[in-house]
Amino acid sequence: MAERDGWRCWVCDEPVDPDKSVNDPRGPSVDSRTADRKAKVAERLAHRDCNSRKGAVKVVIAWPDHLYVVEPAPLITVAGRLERKGGREIVGRCPTARDAHEAAEWLVDRFSRLVPGLPVTAGVEAGGGQFLVVLSTGRR
């Protein structure tokens, strides 16, 4: 599992040190990513503190500060829907094509670790003076 996840925490997307103690807050921990028993990947690697914290609060996958995205979608919710149903979802609006393409590139990279095995692509659609970032699985 840790090798599959590239020794990265699925919650914060930061590296997990395999040599740290499991009792260390930044040490490795096995986490159930979702309560949905139909999920393709039920167990994921997380930092101990990320795993513990998510038990008390709903997990939010943060969009990076360097991306300029208006009304960004909650990525855990999007991941769950795409994993269950496939299809496509608009996940945010950007003021420029460059911003939208940067967000699309980041999303494909992030989803490769968030939902391994789900073939996600991202596109940019212009309309109404803005640029929409769209995630797709290729299946409906």
Protein backbone atom coordinates (compact mmCIF):
# COMPACT_ATOMS: atom_id res chain seq x y z
CA MET A 1 0.00 0.00 0.00
CA ALA A 2 2.72 2.52 0.95
CA GLU A 3 4.65 1.81 -2.24
CA ARG A 4 1.44 2.13 -4.28
CA ASP A 5 0.82 5.52 -2.68
CA GLY A 6 4.42 6.60 -3.29
CA TRP A 7 4.93 7.13 0.45
CA ARG A 8 2.69 10.22 0.28
CA CYS A 9 -0.14 11.03 2.67
CA TRP A 10 -3.46 10.91 0.81
CA VAL A 11 -4.88 13.69 3.00
CA CYS A 12 -2.17 16.38 2.85
CA ASP A 13 -0.18 15.02 -0.13
CA GLU A 14 3.10 15.46 1.76
CA PRO A 15 5.80 12.75 1.95
CA VAL A 16 5.54 10.12 4.71
CA ASP A 17 8.86 9.04 6.19
CA PRO A 18 8.90 5.22 6.41
CA ASP A 19 11.58 5.39 9.10
CA LYS A 20 9.50 7.45 11.53
CA SER A 21 7.79 5.70 14.39
CA VAL A 22 4.10 4.95 13.94
CA ASN A 23 3.65 6.87 17.22
CA ASP A 24 5.18 10.03 15.69
CA PRO A 25 2.54 12.50 14.43
CA ARG A 26 4.24 12.51 11.00
CA GLY A 27 4.79 8.74 11.04
CA PRO A 28 3.02 6.28 8.73
CA SER A 29 -0.54 5.16 9.40
CA VAL A 30 -3.07 3.00 7.55
CA ASP A 31 -6.31 4.86 6.92
CA SER A 32 -9.68 3.96 5.46
CA ARG A 33 -10.09 6.70 2.90
CA THR A 34 -13.82 6.37 2.84
CA ALA A 35 -16.66 4.65 4.64
CA ASP A 36 -18.00 3.64 1.22
CA ARG A 37 -17.47 -0.13 1.03
CA LYS A 38 -17.71 0.04 -2.77
CA ALA A 39 -14.59 2.20 -3.06
CA LYS A 40 -11.92 0.63 -5.24
CA VAL A 41 -9.12 1.60 -2.83
CA ALA A 42 -10.33 1.21 0.75
CA GLU A 43 -7.03 1.63 2.61
CA ARG A 44 -4.58 4.45 2.06
CA LEU A 45 -1.36 5.74 3.57
CA ALA A 46 -1.63 8.79 5.83
CA HIS A 47 0.41 10.59 8.45
CA ARG A 48 -0.69 9.58 11.93
CA ASP A 49 -1.81 13.14 12.75
CA CYS A 50 -3.70 13.51 9.44
CA ASN A 51 -5.44 10.20 10.11
CA SER A 52 -6.32 11.16 13.71
CA ARG A 53 -7.49 14.65 12.77
CA LYS A 54 -9.80 13.37 10.03
CA GLY A 55 -11.66 11.35 12.65
CA ALA A 56 -12.68 14.58 14.36
CA VAL A 57 -13.37 16.75 11.31
CA LYS A 58 -14.41 16.17 7.72
CA VAL A 59 -11.38 15.84 5.45
CA VAL A 60 -10.81 18.69 3.04
CA ILE A 61 -8.23 18.36 0.29
CA ALA A 62 -6.82 21.85 0.01
CA TRP A 63 -6.32 23.56 -3.31
CA PRO A 64 -2.82 25.11 -3.41
CA ASP A 65 -2.57 28.84 -2.74
CA HIS A 66 -0.63 29.44 -5.97
CA LEU A 67 -3.64 28.44 -8.12
CA TYR A 68 -6.17 31.13 -8.94
CA VAL A 69 -9.48 29.23 -8.92
CA VAL A 70 -12.85 30.78 -8.18
CA GLU A 71 -15.40 28.59 -6.37
CA PRO A 72 -13.17 25.50 -6.25
CA ALA A 73 -15.11 22.26 -5.81
CA PRO A 74 -14.61 20.08 -2.71
CA LEU A 75 -12.24 17.46 -4.13
CA ILE A 76 -13.20 14.61 -1.79
CA THR A 77 -16.81 14.93 -2.96
CA VAL A 78 -15.77 15.13 -6.63
CA ALA A 79 -13.47 12.11 -6.23
CA GLY A 80 -16.26 10.06 -4.70
CA ARG A 81 -18.74 10.91 -7.46
CA LEU A 82 -16.27 10.28 -10.27
CA GLU A 83 -15.19 7.01 -8.69
CA ARG A 84 -18.80 5.81 -8.36
CA LYS A 85 -20.41 7.20 -11.50
CA GLY A 86 -17.68 8.34 -13.87
CA GLY A 87 -18.48 11.15 -16.29
CA ARG A 88 -17.32 14.73 -15.97
CA GLU A 89 -17.51 17.55 -13.46
CA ILE A 90 -16.75 21.24 -13.53
CA VAL A 91 -14.46 21.81 -10.55
CA GLY A 92 -13.69 25.52 -10.75
CA ARG A 93 -13.59 28.74 -12.72
CA CYS A 94 -10.46 30.72 -13.58
CA PRO A 95 -10.03 34.26 -14.91
CA THR A 96 -7.36 33.31 -17.48
CA ALA A 97 -6.62 30.31 -19.67
CA ARG A 98 -3.17 30.05 -18.09
CA ASP A 99 -4.67 29.82 -14.59
CA ALA A 100 -7.11 27.16 -15.78
CA HIS A 101 -4.41 25.06 -17.45
CA GLU A 102 -2.23 25.24 -14.31
CA ALA A 103 -5.19 24.10 -12.20
CA ALA A 104 -6.00 21.31 -14.66
CA GLU A 105 -2.42 20.04 -14.59
CA TRP A 106 -2.33 20.08 -10.78
CA LEU A 107 -5.68 18.24 -10.58
CA VAL A 108 -4.57 15.37 -12.81
CA ASP A 109 -1.42 14.96 -10.71
CA ARG A 110 -3.31 15.19 -7.39
CA PHE A 111 -6.06 12.78 -8.46
CA SER A 112 -3.43 10.22 -9.52
CA ARG A 113 -2.64 9.91 -5.80
CA LEU A 114 -6.06 10.73 -4.37
CA VAL A 115 -7.86 8.04 -6.39
CA PRO A 116 -5.20 5.70 -7.80
CA GLY A 117 -6.38 3.73 -10.80
CA LEU A 118 -9.12 6.19 -11.74
CA PRO A 119 -8.28 7.46 -15.24
CA VAL A 120 -8.86 11.20 -14.77
CA THR A 121 -8.19 13.83 -17.41
CA ALA A 122 -8.69 17.56 -17.09
CA GLY A 123 -9.75 20.05 -19.69
CA VAL A 124 -10.37 23.76 -19.98
CA GLU A 125 -13.49 25.23 -21.57
CA ALA A 126 -13.85 28.92 -22.36
CA GLY A 127 -17.17 30.65 -21.87
CA GLY A 128 -18.65 33.88 -20.61
CA GLY A 129 -15.28 35.59 -20.14
CA GLN A 130 -13.97 32.85 -17.86
CA PHE A 131 -12.36 29.44 -18.15
CA LEU A 132 -13.92 26.34 -16.63
CA VAL A 133 -11.76 23.49 -15.37
CA VAL A 134 -13.43 20.15 -16.09
CA LEU A 135 -12.42 16.72 -14.77
CA SER A 136 -13.45 13.63 -16.77
CA THR A 137 -13.09 9.90 -16.34
CA GLY A 138 -13.88 8.96 -19.91
CA ARG A 139 -16.72 6.69 -18.78
CA ARG A 140 -20.34 7.55 -18.16
